[in-house]
N, C-alpha and C. Protein backbone atom coordinates (compact mmCIF):
# COMPACT_ATOMS: atom_id res chain seq x y z
N UNK A 1 -38.71 -73.72 -308.65
CA UNK A 1 -39.24 -72.28 -309.53
C UNK A 1 -40.69 -73.05 -310.28
N UNK A 2 -40.18 -73.96 -310.90
CA UNK A 2 -41.55 -74.24 -311.95
C UNK A 2 -42.49 -74.86 -310.98
N UNK A 3 -42.50 -75.52 -309.95
CA UNK A 3 -43.26 -75.85 -309.04
C UNK A 3 -44.16 -74.84 -308.59
N UNK A 4 -43.76 -73.73 -308.17
CA UNK A 4 -44.31 -72.57 -307.69
C UNK A 4 -45.23 -72.10 -308.99
N UNK A 5 -44.84 -72.02 -309.99
CA UNK A 5 -45.73 -71.31 -311.20
C UNK A 5 -46.67 -72.49 -311.49
N UNK A 6 -46.26 -73.62 -311.31
CA UNK A 6 -47.39 -74.65 -311.80
C UNK A 6 -48.51 -74.50 -310.69
N UNK A 7 -48.14 -74.24 -309.34
CA UNK A 7 -49.28 -74.12 -308.39
C UNK A 7 -50.12 -73.06 -308.56
N UNK A 8 -49.63 -72.05 -309.20
CA UNK A 8 -50.48 -70.58 -309.45
C UNK A 8 -51.38 -71.31 -310.34
N UNK A 9 -51.20 -72.20 -311.37
CA UNK A 9 -52.32 -72.46 -312.32
C UNK A 9 -53.15 -73.66 -312.05
N UNK A 10 -52.98 -73.85 -310.77
CA UNK A 10 -53.72 -75.10 -310.19
C UNK A 10 -53.13 -76.58 -310.14
N UNK A 11 -51.73 -76.55 -310.70
CA UNK A 11 -51.21 -78.13 -310.77
C UNK A 11 -50.46 -78.15 -309.71
N UNK A 12 -49.98 -79.59 -309.28
CA UNK A 12 -49.15 -79.80 -308.30
C UNK A 12 -48.21 -81.05 -308.88
N UNK A 13 -47.11 -81.09 -308.52
CA UNK A 13 -46.03 -81.99 -309.15
C UNK A 13 -46.50 -83.33 -308.32
N UNK A 14 -46.54 -84.26 -309.57
CA UNK A 14 -47.46 -85.39 -308.94
C UNK A 14 -46.46 -86.06 -307.74
N UNK A 15 -45.16 -86.01 -307.64
CA UNK A 15 -44.24 -86.53 -306.86
C UNK A 15 -44.69 -85.90 -305.27
N UNK A 16 -45.42 -84.91 -305.42
CA UNK A 16 -45.31 -84.21 -303.72
C UNK A 16 -46.74 -84.43 -303.33
N UNK A 17 -47.71 -85.32 -304.19
CA UNK A 17 -48.74 -85.85 -303.58
C UNK A 17 -48.44 -87.18 -302.82
N UNK A 18 -48.87 -86.92 -301.54
CA UNK A 18 -48.68 -87.91 -300.45
C UNK A 18 -50.26 -88.67 -300.55
N UNK A 19 -49.92 -90.08 -300.49
CA UNK A 19 -50.83 -91.06 -300.81
C UNK A 19 -51.27 -91.68 -299.05
N UNK A 20 -52.47 -91.81 -298.44
CA UNK A 20 -52.56 -92.20 -297.43
C UNK A 20 -52.37 -93.46 -297.21
N UNK A 21 -51.92 -94.04 -295.95
CA UNK A 21 -51.89 -95.28 -295.84
C UNK A 21 -53.34 -95.82 -295.73
N UNK A 22 -53.52 -97.31 -296.30
CA UNK A 22 -54.47 -98.01 -296.26
C UNK A 22 -55.09 -98.08 -297.87
N UNK A 23 -54.70 -97.09 -298.64
CA UNK A 23 -55.16 -97.00 -300.01
C UNK A 23 -54.81 -98.41 -300.65
N UNK A 24 -55.74 -98.81 -301.36
CA UNK A 24 -55.70 -100.09 -302.33
C UNK A 24 -55.87 -99.94 -303.73
N UNK A 25 -55.36 -100.79 -304.55
CA UNK A 25 -55.55 -100.68 -305.77
C UNK A 25 -56.88 -100.82 -305.87
N UNK A 26 -57.67 -100.16 -306.84
CA UNK A 26 -59.07 -100.16 -307.29
C UNK A 26 -59.34 -101.49 -308.06
N UNK A 27 -60.21 -101.71 -308.28
CA UNK A 27 -60.87 -102.56 -308.95
C UNK A 27 -60.31 -102.56 -310.68
N UNK A 28 -59.98 -103.80 -311.21
CA UNK A 28 -59.33 -103.71 -312.55
C UNK A 28 -60.11 -103.11 -313.48
N UNK A 29 -61.66 -103.37 -313.45
CA UNK A 29 -62.76 -103.09 -314.70
C UNK A 29 -62.71 -101.66 -314.28
N UNK A 30 -62.52 -100.94 -313.13
CA UNK A 30 -62.67 -99.30 -312.99
C UNK A 30 -61.39 -98.71 -313.64
N UNK A 31 -60.34 -99.34 -313.52
CA UNK A 31 -58.86 -98.59 -313.87
C UNK A 31 -59.18 -98.72 -315.24
N UNK A 32 -59.52 -99.75 -316.20
CA UNK A 32 -59.62 -99.95 -317.35
C UNK A 32 -60.41 -99.09 -317.96
N UNK A 33 -61.66 -98.48 -317.32
CA UNK A 33 -62.62 -97.82 -318.02
C UNK A 33 -62.08 -96.32 -318.04
N UNK A 34 -61.12 -96.01 -316.59
CA UNK A 34 -60.97 -94.70 -316.64
C UNK A 34 -59.73 -94.40 -317.57
N UNK A 35 -58.76 -95.56 -317.74
CA UNK A 35 -57.53 -95.25 -318.39
C UNK A 35 -58.10 -95.55 -320.01
N UNK A 36 -59.23 -96.09 -320.36
CA UNK A 36 -59.88 -96.05 -321.86
C UNK A 36 -60.45 -94.68 -322.15
N UNK A 37 -61.05 -94.15 -321.26
CA UNK A 37 -61.39 -92.59 -321.26
C UNK A 37 -60.42 -91.62 -321.62
N UNK A 38 -59.22 -91.92 -320.80
CA UNK A 38 -58.12 -91.11 -320.92
C UNK A 38 -57.49 -91.08 -322.14
N UNK A 39 -57.58 -92.52 -322.97
CA UNK A 39 -56.71 -92.70 -323.97
C UNK A 39 -57.56 -92.31 -325.31
N UNK A 40 -58.83 -92.03 -325.28
CA UNK A 40 -59.55 -91.87 -326.28
C UNK A 40 -59.83 -90.11 -326.43
N UNK A 41 -59.72 -89.70 -325.04
CA UNK A 41 -59.95 -88.11 -325.17
C UNK A 41 -58.82 -87.23 -324.94
N UNK A 42 -57.77 -87.78 -323.85
CA UNK A 42 -56.82 -86.83 -323.59
C UNK A 42 -57.21 -86.11 -322.28
N UNK A 43 -58.32 -86.56 -321.79
CA UNK A 43 -59.01 -86.15 -320.40
C UNK A 43 -59.34 -87.07 -319.30
N UNK A 44 -59.27 -86.50 -318.33
CA UNK A 44 -59.51 -87.49 -316.92
C UNK A 44 -61.09 -87.30 -316.86
N UNK A 45 -61.39 -88.31 -316.08
CA UNK A 45 -62.93 -88.63 -316.06
C UNK A 45 -62.90 -87.85 -314.61
N UNK A 46 -62.31 -88.12 -313.64
CA UNK A 46 -62.16 -87.34 -312.28
C UNK A 46 -61.10 -86.61 -311.92
N UNK A 47 -61.46 -85.74 -311.07
CA UNK A 47 -60.27 -84.96 -310.74
C UNK A 47 -59.51 -85.47 -309.60
N UNK A 48 -58.41 -84.80 -309.40
CA UNK A 48 -57.55 -85.34 -308.42
C UNK A 48 -57.74 -84.26 -307.17
N UNK A 49 -58.33 -84.75 -306.04
CA UNK A 49 -58.52 -83.55 -304.98
C UNK A 49 -57.47 -83.90 -303.89
N UNK A 50 -56.79 -82.82 -303.16
CA UNK A 50 -55.99 -83.14 -302.22
C UNK A 50 -55.85 -81.74 -301.34
N UNK A 51 -55.63 -81.83 -300.11
CA UNK A 51 -55.87 -80.92 -298.90
C UNK A 51 -54.59 -80.08 -298.81
N UNK A 52 -54.34 -79.30 -298.05
CA UNK A 52 -53.67 -78.19 -298.22
C UNK A 52 -52.00 -78.51 -297.61
N UNK A 53 -52.37 -79.88 -297.15
CA UNK A 53 -50.93 -80.87 -297.00
C UNK A 53 -50.29 -81.79 -298.22
N UNK A 54 -51.27 -81.55 -299.33
CA UNK A 54 -50.83 -82.31 -300.26
C UNK A 54 -51.42 -83.77 -299.99
N UNK A 55 -52.29 -84.30 -299.27
CA UNK A 55 -52.59 -85.55 -299.05
C UNK A 55 -53.86 -85.83 -300.06
N UNK A 56 -53.27 -86.69 -300.76
CA UNK A 56 -54.81 -87.14 -301.50
C UNK A 56 -56.17 -87.69 -301.06
N UNK A 57 -57.03 -86.66 -301.21
CA UNK A 57 -58.37 -87.38 -300.70
C UNK A 57 -59.18 -88.12 -301.81
N UNK A 58 -59.24 -87.40 -302.89
CA UNK A 58 -59.91 -88.24 -304.04
C UNK A 58 -59.38 -88.19 -305.49
N UNK A 59 -59.90 -89.27 -306.00
CA UNK A 59 -58.84 -89.15 -307.49
C UNK A 59 -57.77 -90.13 -307.71
N UNK A 60 -57.57 -91.16 -307.13
CA UNK A 60 -56.38 -92.06 -306.73
C UNK A 60 -56.45 -92.85 -308.26
N UNK A 61 -57.37 -93.27 -308.87
CA UNK A 61 -57.23 -93.95 -310.13
C UNK A 61 -56.45 -92.75 -311.38
N UNK A 62 -57.05 -91.35 -311.08
CA UNK A 62 -56.61 -90.76 -311.99
C UNK A 62 -55.11 -90.40 -311.59
N UNK A 63 -54.83 -90.26 -310.46
CA UNK A 63 -53.60 -90.10 -310.07
C UNK A 63 -52.26 -91.32 -310.88
N UNK A 64 -52.99 -92.38 -310.58
CA UNK A 64 -52.13 -93.74 -311.13
C UNK A 64 -51.78 -93.57 -312.55
N UNK A 65 -53.26 -93.29 -313.26
CA UNK A 65 -52.99 -92.78 -314.62
C UNK A 65 -51.78 -91.77 -314.92
N UNK A 66 -52.03 -90.67 -314.24
CA UNK A 66 -50.87 -89.47 -314.51
C UNK A 66 -49.53 -90.59 -314.32
N UNK A 67 -49.56 -91.15 -313.06
CA UNK A 67 -47.94 -91.75 -313.01
C UNK A 67 -47.52 -92.47 -314.09
N UNK A 68 -48.66 -93.41 -314.83
CA UNK A 68 -48.18 -94.46 -315.73
C UNK A 68 -47.94 -93.71 -316.94
N UNK A 69 -48.68 -92.65 -317.40
CA UNK A 69 -48.45 -91.87 -318.59
C UNK A 69 -47.43 -91.00 -318.59
N UNK A 70 -46.79 -90.90 -317.52
CA UNK A 70 -45.31 -89.96 -316.90
C UNK A 70 -45.54 -88.53 -316.91
N UNK A 71 -47.04 -88.27 -316.60
CA UNK A 71 -47.08 -86.70 -316.33
C UNK A 71 -46.18 -86.60 -315.15
N UNK A 72 -45.56 -84.93 -315.01
CA UNK A 72 -44.79 -84.51 -313.85
C UNK A 72 -46.07 -83.65 -313.16
N UNK A 73 -46.66 -82.92 -313.77
CA UNK A 73 -47.69 -82.20 -313.27
C UNK A 73 -48.89 -82.43 -313.57
N UNK A 74 -49.93 -82.36 -312.65
CA UNK A 74 -51.53 -82.64 -313.03
C UNK A 74 -52.37 -81.52 -311.95
N UNK A 75 -53.38 -81.24 -312.99
CA UNK A 75 -54.30 -80.17 -312.35
C UNK A 75 -54.93 -80.77 -311.07
N UNK A 76 -55.26 -80.08 -310.06
CA UNK A 76 -55.47 -80.78 -308.69
C UNK A 76 -56.77 -79.56 -308.39
N UNK A 77 -57.50 -80.13 -307.29
CA UNK A 77 -58.48 -79.56 -306.76
C UNK A 77 -57.99 -79.41 -305.28
N UNK A 78 -57.46 -78.19 -304.52
CA UNK A 78 -56.99 -77.97 -303.57
C UNK A 78 -58.13 -77.72 -302.57
N UNK A 79 -58.48 -78.52 -301.19
CA UNK A 79 -59.33 -77.93 -300.24
C UNK A 79 -58.85 -78.30 -298.99
N UNK A 80 -59.31 -77.56 -298.03
CA UNK A 80 -58.65 -77.45 -296.77
C UNK A 80 -59.50 -78.02 -295.91
N UNK A 81 -59.46 -79.40 -295.75
CA UNK A 81 -60.16 -80.24 -294.90
C UNK A 81 -59.38 -81.33 -294.50
N UNK A 82 -59.62 -82.03 -293.43
CA UNK A 82 -59.00 -83.00 -292.68
C UNK A 82 -59.39 -84.34 -293.91
N UNK A 83 -58.43 -85.52 -293.89
CA UNK A 83 -58.82 -86.37 -294.92
C UNK A 83 -60.13 -87.12 -294.33
N UNK A 84 -59.93 -87.40 -292.72
CA UNK A 84 -61.10 -88.05 -292.41
C UNK A 84 -62.39 -87.67 -292.32
N UNK A 85 -62.52 -86.26 -292.32
CA UNK A 85 -63.85 -85.86 -292.31
C UNK A 85 -64.32 -85.86 -293.93
N UNK A 86 -63.47 -85.48 -294.60
CA UNK A 86 -63.26 -85.57 -296.20
C UNK A 86 -64.19 -87.14 -296.47
N UNK A 87 -63.67 -88.10 -296.18
CA UNK A 87 -63.92 -89.41 -296.34
C UNK A 87 -65.25 -89.58 -295.69
N UNK A 88 -65.49 -89.40 -294.49
CA UNK A 88 -66.94 -89.53 -293.95
C UNK A 88 -67.89 -88.60 -294.49
N UNK A 89 -67.73 -87.41 -294.94
CA UNK A 89 -68.71 -86.39 -295.54
C UNK A 89 -69.03 -87.19 -297.10
N UNK A 90 -67.98 -87.58 -297.69
CA UNK A 90 -68.16 -87.90 -299.04
C UNK A 90 -69.08 -89.48 -299.17
N UNK A 91 -68.53 -90.34 -298.17
CA UNK A 91 -69.38 -91.63 -298.03
C UNK A 91 -70.68 -91.02 -297.89
N UNK A 92 -71.19 -90.36 -296.75
CA UNK A 92 -72.59 -90.10 -296.51
C UNK A 92 -73.33 -89.45 -297.50
N UNK A 93 -72.51 -88.55 -298.35
CA UNK A 93 -73.15 -88.01 -299.45
C UNK A 93 -73.54 -88.74 -300.74
N UNK A 94 -72.60 -89.76 -301.04
CA UNK A 94 -72.77 -91.20 -301.97
C UNK A 94 -73.77 -91.78 -301.69
N UNK A 95 -73.96 -92.08 -300.19
CA UNK A 95 -75.18 -92.86 -299.73
C UNK A 95 -76.62 -92.29 -299.87
N UNK A 96 -76.28 -91.13 -299.49
CA UNK A 96 -77.73 -90.64 -299.61
C UNK A 96 -78.05 -90.31 -301.01
N UNK A 97 -77.39 -89.95 -301.86
CA UNK A 97 -77.82 -89.83 -303.10
C UNK A 97 -77.96 -91.24 -304.02
N UNK A 98 -77.44 -92.12 -303.76
CA UNK A 98 -77.28 -93.44 -304.22
C UNK A 98 -78.76 -93.80 -303.83
N UNK A 99 -79.53 -93.80 -302.69
CA UNK A 99 -80.76 -94.17 -302.36
C UNK A 99 -81.85 -93.49 -303.27
N UNK A 100 -81.61 -92.01 -303.61
CA UNK A 100 -82.57 -91.55 -304.46
C UNK A 100 -82.68 -92.11 -306.04
N UNK A 101 -81.62 -92.92 -306.23
CA UNK A 101 -81.43 -93.66 -307.52
C UNK A 101 -82.51 -94.73 -307.73
């Protein structure tokens, strides 16, 4: 019942988020930076993005921080997209915008 109520408010049970195969631990410096931000502010730098099947699309470091601090529920952004489509679209967007810098 609690899972249902939390979903109404945009939260997901952290144990129900599925991590795709092939995810690797991010760079230590990146993880330290985001963990320090969370420790200082109590807020996350990035959102956790999942699809309708609870597959993680983005926000793996935030997900790991939630696990480390023992959160049972986390605020998520849920979108209806295939993980491969998201990955290719996101990479294309990042590359396109990086060129402008």
